[in-house]
Each structure stands twice: as structure tokens, then as C-alpha cells.
N, C-alpha and C. Protein backbone atom coordinates (compact mmCIF):
# COMPACT_ATOMS: atom_id res chain seq x y z
N MET A 1 72.89 -84.98 -20.08
CA MET A 1 72.95 -86.41 -20.43
C MET A 1 71.80 -87.39 -19.96
N ILE A 2 71.60 -87.15 -18.46
CA ILE A 2 70.49 -88.35 -17.61
C ILE A 2 69.08 -87.57 -18.25
N ALA A 3 69.32 -86.43 -18.12
CA ALA A 3 67.97 -85.81 -18.60
C ALA A 3 66.93 -86.42 -20.10
N GLY A 4 68.31 -86.59 -20.67
CA GLY A 4 68.20 -86.78 -22.28
C GLY A 4 67.64 -88.26 -22.17
N ALA A 5 68.39 -89.06 -21.65
CA ALA A 5 68.18 -90.70 -21.55
C ALA A 5 66.80 -91.05 -21.04
N THR A 6 66.23 -90.19 -19.75
CA THR A 6 65.10 -90.55 -19.18
C THR A 6 64.08 -90.21 -20.34
N VAL A 7 64.02 -88.74 -20.85
CA VAL A 7 63.02 -88.56 -21.66
C VAL A 7 63.10 -89.70 -23.00
N PHE A 8 64.11 -90.16 -23.56
CA PHE A 8 63.89 -91.29 -24.62
C PHE A 8 63.58 -92.44 -23.74
N VAL A 9 63.61 -92.63 -22.48
CA VAL A 9 63.24 -94.05 -22.19
C VAL A 9 62.04 -94.28 -22.23
N LEU A 10 61.50 -92.55 -21.73
CA LEU A 10 59.85 -92.97 -21.22
C LEU A 10 59.08 -92.78 -22.88
N ALA A 11 59.45 -91.80 -24.06
CA ALA A 11 59.09 -92.07 -24.68
C ALA A 11 58.62 -92.90 -25.49
N LYS A 12 60.19 -93.42 -25.67
CA LYS A 12 60.00 -95.41 -26.19
C LYS A 12 58.89 -96.01 -25.82
N THR A 13 58.83 -96.16 -23.97
CA THR A 13 58.20 -96.78 -23.56
C THR A 13 56.52 -96.30 -23.94
N LEU A 14 56.30 -94.97 -24.15
CA LEU A 14 54.90 -94.65 -24.37
C LEU A 14 54.80 -95.39 -25.85
N LYS A 15 55.48 -95.09 -26.57
CA LYS A 15 55.83 -95.82 -28.08
C LYS A 15 55.27 -97.18 -28.27
N TRP A 16 56.13 -97.86 -27.40
CA TRP A 16 55.54 -99.35 -27.39
C TRP A 16 54.48 -99.87 -26.76
N TRP A 17 54.31 -98.91 -25.93
CA TRP A 17 52.35 -98.91 -25.23
C TRP A 17 51.35 -98.88 -26.32
N ALA A 18 51.66 -97.85 -26.94
CA ALA A 18 50.93 -97.31 -27.95
C ALA A 18 50.64 -98.56 -28.92
N ILE A 19 51.30 -99.10 -29.60
CA ILE A 19 51.92 -99.95 -30.45
C ILE A 19 51.33 -101.41 -30.18
N LEU A 20 51.75 -101.68 -28.96
CA LEU A 20 51.01 -103.29 -28.10
C LEU A 20 49.34 -103.07 -28.04
N THR A 21 49.32 -101.90 -27.38
CA THR A 21 47.33 -101.43 -27.18
C THR A 21 46.72 -101.84 -28.55
N LEU A 22 47.64 -101.36 -29.97
CA LEU A 22 46.93 -101.53 -31.27
C LEU A 22 46.82 -103.01 -31.46
N GLY A 23 47.62 -103.89 -31.40
CA GLY A 23 48.29 -105.07 -31.46
C GLY A 23 48.32 -105.44 -32.78
N PRO A 24 47.63 -106.36 -33.49
CA PRO A 24 47.68 -106.88 -35.28
C PRO A 24 47.46 -105.59 -35.96
N PHE A 25 46.61 -104.52 -35.42
CA PHE A 25 46.26 -103.21 -36.06
C PHE A 25 47.07 -102.63 -36.12
N TRP A 26 48.53 -102.39 -35.86
CA TRP A 26 49.73 -101.42 -35.88
C TRP A 26 50.00 -101.61 -37.47
N THR A 27 50.20 -100.59 -37.88
CA THR A 27 51.20 -101.06 -39.44
C THR A 27 51.79 -99.46 -39.54
N PHE A 28 52.77 -99.56 -40.53
CA PHE A 28 53.41 -98.44 -40.82
C PHE A 28 52.47 -97.60 -42.19
N ARG A 29 51.45 -98.17 -42.62
CA ARG A 29 50.75 -97.64 -43.47
C ARG A 29 49.61 -97.31 -42.68
N VAL A 30 49.31 -96.07 -43.53
CA VAL A 30 47.83 -95.53 -43.12
C VAL A 30 46.63 -96.07 -43.55
N ILE A 31 45.91 -96.82 -43.09
CA ILE A 31 44.90 -97.94 -43.45
C ILE A 31 43.75 -97.92 -42.18
N VAL A 32 42.41 -98.22 -42.39
CA VAL A 32 41.28 -98.13 -41.51
C VAL A 32 40.79 -99.88 -42.29
N VAL A 33 40.68 -100.28 -40.76
CA VAL A 33 40.46 -101.99 -41.22
C VAL A 33 38.43 -101.72 -40.90
N PRO A 34 37.79 -102.29 -42.40
CA PRO A 34 36.66 -102.02 -41.77
C PRO A 34 35.86 -102.95 -40.96
N GLY A 35 34.78 -102.43 -40.14
CA GLY A 35 34.57 -103.34 -39.09
C GLY A 35 35.03 -102.90 -37.89
N VAL A 36 36.09 -102.51 -37.71
CA VAL A 36 36.77 -102.78 -36.45
C VAL A 36 37.16 -101.42 -35.93
N THR A 37 36.36 -101.36 -34.28
CA THR A 37 36.22 -99.80 -33.40
C THR A 37 37.01 -99.06 -33.36
N LEU A 38 37.10 -97.60 -33.11
CA LEU A 38 38.00 -96.84 -32.60
C LEU A 38 38.71 -97.59 -31.49
N VAL A 39 40.40 -97.74 -31.20
CA VAL A 39 40.34 -97.97 -30.30
C VAL A 39 40.70 -96.67 -29.31
N ALA A 40 40.28 -96.96 -27.75
CA ALA A 40 40.21 -96.22 -26.67
C ALA A 40 40.70 -96.60 -25.42
N THR A 41 41.28 -97.79 -25.60
CA THR A 41 42.03 -98.12 -24.44
C THR A 41 43.28 -97.69 -24.49
N GLY A 42 44.27 -98.22 -23.22
CA GLY A 42 45.68 -97.95 -23.16
C GLY A 42 46.03 -96.27 -23.17
N PRO A 43 47.22 -95.82 -23.68
CA PRO A 43 47.35 -94.53 -24.01
C PRO A 43 46.38 -94.05 -24.93
N TYR A 44 45.29 -94.49 -25.79
CA TYR A 44 44.51 -93.91 -26.54
C TYR A 44 43.59 -93.11 -25.46
N ARG A 45 42.94 -93.57 -24.70
CA ARG A 45 42.40 -92.96 -23.61
C ARG A 45 42.66 -91.51 -23.25
N TRP A 46 44.17 -91.17 -23.44
CA TRP A 46 44.37 -89.50 -23.17
C TRP A 46 45.04 -89.21 -24.62
N LEU A 47 45.63 -89.56 -25.20
CA LEU A 47 46.02 -89.31 -26.31
C LEU A 47 45.69 -89.72 -27.74
N ARG A 48 45.60 -88.60 -28.34
CA ARG A 48 45.03 -89.28 -29.74
C ARG A 48 45.61 -90.03 -31.05
N HIS A 49 47.28 -89.23 -30.62
CA HIS A 49 48.29 -90.26 -31.55
C HIS A 49 49.49 -90.44 -30.62
N PRO A 50 49.60 -91.13 -29.61
CA PRO A 50 50.74 -91.75 -28.44
C PRO A 50 51.68 -92.04 -29.06
N ASN A 51 51.49 -93.09 -30.35
CA ASN A 51 52.74 -93.39 -30.99
C ASN A 51 53.84 -92.46 -31.46
N TYR A 52 52.98 -91.16 -32.11
CA TYR A 52 53.65 -90.12 -32.27
C TYR A 52 54.54 -89.26 -31.37
N VAL A 53 53.49 -88.95 -30.40
CA VAL A 53 54.35 -88.09 -29.05
C VAL A 53 55.47 -88.85 -28.60
N GLY A 54 55.46 -90.49 -28.62
CA GLY A 54 56.59 -91.22 -28.64
C GLY A 54 57.76 -91.18 -29.39
N VAL A 55 57.85 -90.97 -30.35
CA VAL A 55 58.46 -90.75 -31.41
C VAL A 55 59.04 -89.24 -31.61
N VAL A 56 58.19 -88.15 -31.00
CA VAL A 56 59.13 -86.36 -31.18
C VAL A 56 59.66 -86.76 -29.57
N GLY A 57 59.43 -87.42 -28.73
CA GLY A 57 60.16 -87.40 -27.21
C GLY A 57 61.19 -88.25 -27.44
N GLU A 58 61.22 -89.18 -28.57
CA GLU A 58 62.95 -89.99 -28.72
C GLU A 58 63.76 -88.98 -28.98
N LEU A 59 63.09 -88.48 -30.46
CA LEU A 59 64.09 -87.27 -31.10
C LEU A 59 64.74 -86.42 -29.93
N ALA A 60 63.65 -85.72 -29.05
CA ALA A 60 64.15 -84.65 -27.84
C ALA A 60 64.83 -85.39 -26.94
N GLY A 61 64.81 -86.88 -26.34
CA GLY A 61 65.75 -87.78 -25.54
C GLY A 61 66.93 -87.55 -26.60
N ALA A 62 67.66 -88.05 -27.79
CA ALA A 62 68.42 -88.11 -28.40
C ALA A 62 68.99 -86.96 -28.56
N ALA A 63 68.22 -85.74 -28.65
CA ALA A 63 68.80 -84.36 -29.32
C ALA A 63 69.83 -83.77 -27.08
N LEU A 64 68.90 -84.27 -26.29
CA LEU A 64 69.31 -83.80 -25.52
C LEU A 64 70.67 -84.87 -24.86
N MET A 65 70.59 -85.73 -25.21
CA MET A 65 71.81 -86.98 -24.37
C MET A 65 73.05 -86.42 -25.47
N THR A 66 72.76 -86.08 -27.02
CA THR A 66 74.08 -85.99 -27.63
C THR A 66 74.37 -84.39 -27.47
N GLY A 67 73.47 -83.96 -27.02
CA GLY A 67 73.95 -82.77 -26.92
C GLY A 67 73.70 -81.33 -28.25
N ALA A 68 72.63 -81.66 -28.80
CA ALA A 68 72.54 -81.58 -30.24
C ALA A 68 71.60 -80.29 -30.28
N LEU A 69 71.97 -78.81 -29.32
CA LEU A 69 71.02 -77.96 -28.87
C LEU A 69 70.77 -77.12 -30.39
N VAL A 70 71.46 -77.13 -31.52
CA VAL A 70 70.86 -76.26 -32.62
C VAL A 70 69.99 -77.54 -33.75
N THR A 71 71.00 -78.51 -33.87
CA THR A 71 70.25 -79.22 -34.88
C THR A 71 69.41 -80.48 -34.36
N GLY A 72 69.12 -80.53 -32.88
CA GLY A 72 68.33 -81.46 -32.34
C GLY A 72 66.53 -81.12 -32.71
N PRO A 73 66.47 -79.40 -32.31
CA PRO A 73 65.48 -78.58 -32.53
C PRO A 73 64.91 -78.29 -34.13
N ILE A 74 65.90 -78.52 -35.14
CA ILE A 74 65.54 -78.25 -36.03
C ILE A 74 65.23 -79.59 -37.12
N ALA A 75 65.80 -80.63 -36.79
CA ALA A 75 65.57 -81.90 -36.94
C ALA A 75 64.06 -82.15 -36.44
N ALA A 76 63.80 -82.08 -35.33
CA ALA A 76 62.41 -82.40 -34.62
C ALA A 76 61.06 -81.45 -34.99
N ALA A 77 62.02 -80.12 -35.60
CA ALA A 77 60.67 -78.93 -36.44
C ALA A 77 60.65 -79.66 -37.80
N GLY A 78 61.30 -80.07 -38.54
CA GLY A 78 61.23 -80.60 -39.92
C GLY A 78 60.29 -82.36 -39.49
N PHE A 79 60.52 -82.66 -38.77
CA PHE A 79 59.82 -83.96 -38.30
C PHE A 79 58.11 -83.86 -37.93
N LEU A 80 58.14 -82.90 -37.19
CA LEU A 80 56.83 -82.45 -36.86
C LEU A 80 55.99 -82.07 -38.09
N ILE A 81 56.63 -81.11 -39.29
CA ILE A 81 56.17 -80.96 -40.10
C ILE A 81 55.61 -82.18 -41.04
N LEU A 82 56.44 -83.07 -41.48
CA LEU A 82 56.08 -84.30 -42.37
C LEU A 82 55.02 -85.21 -41.31
N LEU A 83 55.35 -84.83 -39.97
CA LEU A 83 54.25 -85.95 -38.82
C LEU A 83 53.04 -85.08 -39.48
N SER A 84 52.62 -83.83 -39.05
CA SER A 84 51.37 -82.97 -39.19
C SER A 84 51.00 -83.37 -40.43
N LYS A 85 51.16 -83.76 -41.75
CA LYS A 85 50.85 -84.14 -43.02
C LYS A 85 50.37 -85.65 -42.86
N ARG A 86 51.03 -86.32 -41.69
CA ARG A 86 50.49 -87.82 -41.88
C ARG A 86 49.16 -87.89 -40.97
N ILE A 87 49.74 -87.02 -40.24
CA ILE A 87 47.95 -86.95 -38.91
C ILE A 87 46.96 -86.55 -39.64
N ALA A 88 46.95 -85.70 -40.64
CA ALA A 88 45.61 -85.01 -41.90
C ALA A 88 45.34 -86.23 -42.32
N VAL A 89 46.07 -86.70 -42.75
CA VAL A 89 45.87 -88.29 -43.90
C VAL A 89 44.94 -88.80 -42.87
N GLU A 90 45.67 -89.22 -41.86
CA GLU A 90 44.69 -90.45 -40.78
C GLU A 90 43.35 -89.57 -40.42
N SER A 91 43.56 -87.96 -39.93
CA SER A 91 42.21 -87.82 -39.86
C SER A 91 41.27 -88.19 -40.49
N ARG A 92 41.52 -87.27 -41.88
CA ARG A 92 40.29 -87.65 -43.17
C ARG A 92 40.25 -89.17 -43.16
N MET A 93 41.07 -90.33 -43.11
CA MET A 93 40.74 -91.48 -43.37
C MET A 93 39.74 -91.89 -42.41
N LEU A 94 39.89 -91.97 -40.95
CA LEU A 94 38.85 -92.04 -39.81
C LEU A 94 37.76 -91.26 -40.09
N GLN A 95 37.50 -89.99 -40.61
CA GLN A 95 36.50 -89.21 -40.58
C GLN A 95 35.81 -90.22 -41.81
N SER A 96 36.47 -90.42 -42.88
CA SER A 96 35.62 -90.73 -44.07
C SER A 96 35.06 -92.35 -43.64
N ALA A 97 35.91 -93.11 -42.78
CA ALA A 97 35.27 -94.51 -42.42
C ALA A 97 34.13 -94.66 -41.34
N THR A 98 34.27 -93.40 -40.87
CA THR A 98 33.10 -93.19 -39.64
C THR A 98 31.82 -92.85 -40.07
N ARG A 99 32.32 -91.96 -41.68
CA ARG A 99 30.92 -91.27 -42.31
C ARG A 99 30.25 -93.08 -43.29
N ARG A 100 31.14 -93.57 -43.34
CA ARG A 100 30.69 -94.77 -44.27
C ARG A 100 29.90 -95.82 -43.24
N HIS A 101 29.99 -95.91 -41.89
CA HIS A 101 30.07 -96.82 -41.19
C HIS A 101 28.52 -96.41 -40.46
N LEU A 102 28.44 -94.86 -40.15
CA LEU A 102 27.06 -94.30 -39.92
C LEU A 102 26.13 -94.52 -40.42
N THR A 103 26.55 -94.62 -41.81
CA THR A 103 25.98 -94.54 -43.39
C THR A 103 25.10 -95.81 -43.58
N CYS A 104 25.93 -96.69 -43.49
CA CYS A 104 25.71 -98.19 -43.57
C CYS A 104 24.79 -98.19 -42.24
N SER A 105 25.11 -98.30 -40.77
CA SER A 105 24.08 -98.65 -40.40
C SER A 105 22.95 -98.19 -39.83
N PHE A 106 22.57 -96.80 -40.27
CA PHE A 106 21.67 -96.24 -40.09
C PHE A 106 20.63 -95.95 -41.52
N VAL A 107 20.84 -96.14 -42.24
CA VAL A 107 20.36 -95.69 -43.96
C VAL A 107 19.53 -96.91 -44.39
N GLU A 108 20.78 -97.64 -44.72
CA GLU A 108 20.66 -99.11 -45.26
C GLU A 108 19.94 -100.18 -44.53
N PRO A 109 18.71 -100.49 -44.32
CA PRO A 109 18.26 -101.64 -43.31
C PRO A 109 19.20 -103.00 -44.38
N PRO A 110 18.98 -104.09 -43.21
CA PRO A 110 18.83 -105.39 -44.12
C PRO A 110 18.10 -106.04 -45.12
N ARG A 111 18.61 -106.15 -46.13
CA ARG A 111 17.97 -107.06 -47.44
C ARG A 111 17.33 -108.47 -46.65
N VAL A 112 16.03 -108.50 -46.99
CA VAL A 112 15.55 -109.94 -47.09
C VAL A 112 14.90 -110.45 -48.26
N ARG A 113 15.68 -111.95 -48.05
CA ARG A 113 15.17 -112.49 -49.48
C ARG A 113 14.26 -114.33 -49.17
N LYS A 114 13.47 -114.89 -49.80
CA LYS A 114 13.66 -116.18 -49.19
C LYS A 114 14.80 -117.01 -49.80
N ALA A 115 15.21 -117.94 -49.03
CA ALA A 115 16.17 -118.80 -49.61
C ALA A 115 15.72 -120.06 -49.30
N ARG A 116 15.82 -120.87 -50.45
CA ARG A 116 15.23 -122.40 -50.27
C ARG A 116 16.03 -123.64 -49.45
N VAL A 117 15.59 -124.25 -48.37
CA VAL A 117 16.06 -124.93 -47.30
C VAL A 117 15.83 -126.71 -47.54
N SER A 118 16.48 -126.92 -48.46
CA SER A 118 16.52 -128.63 -48.65
C SER A 118 16.14 -129.24 -47.80
N SER A 119 15.13 -130.28 -47.34
CA SER A 119 14.98 -131.20 -46.38
C SER A 119 14.69 -132.40 -47.19
N LYS A 120 14.73 -132.62 -48.26
CA LYS A 120 14.99 -133.55 -49.43
C LYS A 120 16.40 -134.28 -49.67
N PRO A 121 16.48 -135.58 -49.28
CA PRO A 121 17.37 -136.25 -49.74
C PRO A 121 17.74 -136.15 -50.93
N ALA A 122 19.11 -136.04 -51.32
CA ALA A 122 19.50 -136.07 -52.98
C ALA A 122 18.66 -137.18 -53.71
N GLY A 123 18.21 -136.99 -55.11
CA GLY A 123 17.04 -137.50 -55.42
C GLY A 123 15.68 -138.27 -55.21
N ALA A 124 15.44 -137.47 -54.78
CA ALA A 124 14.12 -137.16 -54.11
C ALA A 124 12.97 -137.14 -55.57
N ALA A 125 11.67 -137.26 -54.94
CA ALA A 125 10.85 -137.08 -56.03
C ALA A 125 10.83 -135.86 -56.94
N THR A 126 10.49 -135.54 -58.31
CA THR A 126 10.50 -134.47 -59.30
C THR A 126 9.24 -134.43 -59.67
N ASP A 127 9.02 -133.06 -59.82
CA ASP A 127 7.89 -132.76 -60.23
C ASP A 127 7.96 -132.73 -62.07
N SER A 128 7.13 -133.13 -63.08
CA SER A 128 7.36 -133.92 -64.20
C SER A 128 6.86 -132.66 -64.86
N ALA A 129 6.11 -132.15 -64.31
CA ALA A 129 5.55 -130.68 -64.66
C ALA A 129 6.55 -129.47 -65.25
N ARG A 130 7.23 -129.45 -64.25
CA ARG A 130 8.56 -128.83 -64.47
C ARG A 130 9.66 -129.00 -64.94
N GLY A 131 9.62 -130.01 -65.68
CA GLY A 131 10.79 -130.69 -66.31
C GLY A 131 11.57 -131.27 -65.48
N GLY A 132 11.37 -131.75 -64.62
CA GLY A 132 12.06 -132.92 -63.79
C GLY A 132 12.67 -131.73 -62.74
N THR A 133 12.51 -130.61 -62.27
CA THR A 133 13.11 -130.54 -61.27
C THR A 133 12.33 -130.81 -59.80
N PRO A 134 13.33 -130.48 -58.99
CA PRO A 134 12.76 -131.53 -57.64
C PRO A 134 11.40 -130.68 -57.25
N ALA A 135 10.42 -131.24 -56.44
CA ALA A 135 9.39 -130.55 -56.46
C ALA A 135 9.18 -129.65 -55.30
N VAL A 136 9.03 -128.82 -54.79
CA VAL A 136 9.20 -128.13 -53.40
C VAL A 136 8.31 -127.46 -53.04
N ALA A 137 7.87 -128.07 -51.56
CA ALA A 137 6.57 -127.22 -51.12
C ALA A 137 6.70 -126.23 -50.22
N ALA A 138 6.11 -125.37 -49.74
CA ALA A 138 5.93 -124.15 -48.91
C ALA A 138 7.07 -124.14 -47.79
N SER A 139 7.25 -125.48 -47.25
CA SER A 139 7.62 -125.82 -46.05
C SER A 139 9.20 -125.72 -46.34
N ASP A 140 9.93 -125.56 -47.30
CA ASP A 140 11.08 -125.79 -47.83
C ASP A 140 11.78 -124.39 -47.97
N TRP A 141 10.74 -123.48 -47.99
CA TRP A 141 11.34 -121.91 -48.07
C TRP A 141 11.73 -121.18 -46.95
N LYS A 142 12.59 -120.17 -46.37
CA LYS A 142 12.39 -119.29 -45.05
C LYS A 142 13.27 -117.90 -45.38
N THR A 143 12.64 -117.12 -44.29
CA THR A 143 13.41 -116.07 -44.79
C THR A 143 14.29 -115.79 -44.14
N VAL A 144 15.77 -115.07 -44.91
CA VAL A 144 16.72 -115.08 -44.15
C VAL A 144 16.93 -113.87 -44.66
N MET A 145 18.13 -112.72 -43.33
CA MET A 145 18.53 -111.57 -43.42
C MET A 145 19.71 -111.63 -44.60
N ILE A 146 20.07 -110.74 -45.26
CA ILE A 146 21.51 -110.80 -46.02
C ILE A 146 22.04 -109.58 -45.97
């Protein structure tokens, strides 16, 4: 019973450390936030899925505490099957996001266009030859990256 409680507390600690490390990016849903780098701090330095290791540890600890020597391993095995499917989905999403990020970063250069920078106050002189549009000097344009 003491061993089960110890395993449970250590697993719960690992799970909460993982959640706190992710901060506002932790969620029940499987999502990849665009532009956010992969977390490699806290328990993620050593484990790819520390939250899931913690959850499995909680199940093992609960089974040990309650003496569920038959149903505990059966429940853990069923949960591991479901968890492996979720991990596969997460891995595919991360690979896809990484591919998109690399493609955007290295293939698509920034686009350059001219943008008008108005240095004239409202109601400044207009060019009557262009139907009353404001007169624009070459110095009113600059190159910007978009």
C-alpha cells in the first residue's frame, strides 16, 4: 500500500510538472499552435510524453494501493492502447507542423512591395490632372517587407 501511494504521488508530481512546463499551451485537445517552438525544458528534456508517463504511473499506483492485481494491469493495458493512438495522432500533427514550418521558413522568401507613406497633412495640394488625387512625390513611397 505504501509503495502504491509512493508511485501515485511521484506520478502525479511528474504529470503536474509537465502541465506547468507547458503553461497556457496545455490542453486536453490535440492541437499545434502555429509559430510556437517545441517545448524542450522541464521533464520534456528527458521524456517525450511526461504527462502520459505520469498518468500511467497514477494508474499503477492506484492499482497497487487497492490491491487490484488482476484488474489493475487489465485497465492499464486498455488505457495504453488508447494512449498509443493519441500519441500517434500527436506525432503526426507535430511532424506536419514541422514540415510546414520548414517549408515556409526556407522556401518562401518574404514578399516586398511599395507602400505609400503619407508625409502630407490631410487636405494637402492635389494633382488636378489625376482627377483630384493627392500629389505624390517619389519620397512618399518606401519598400516594406510583408
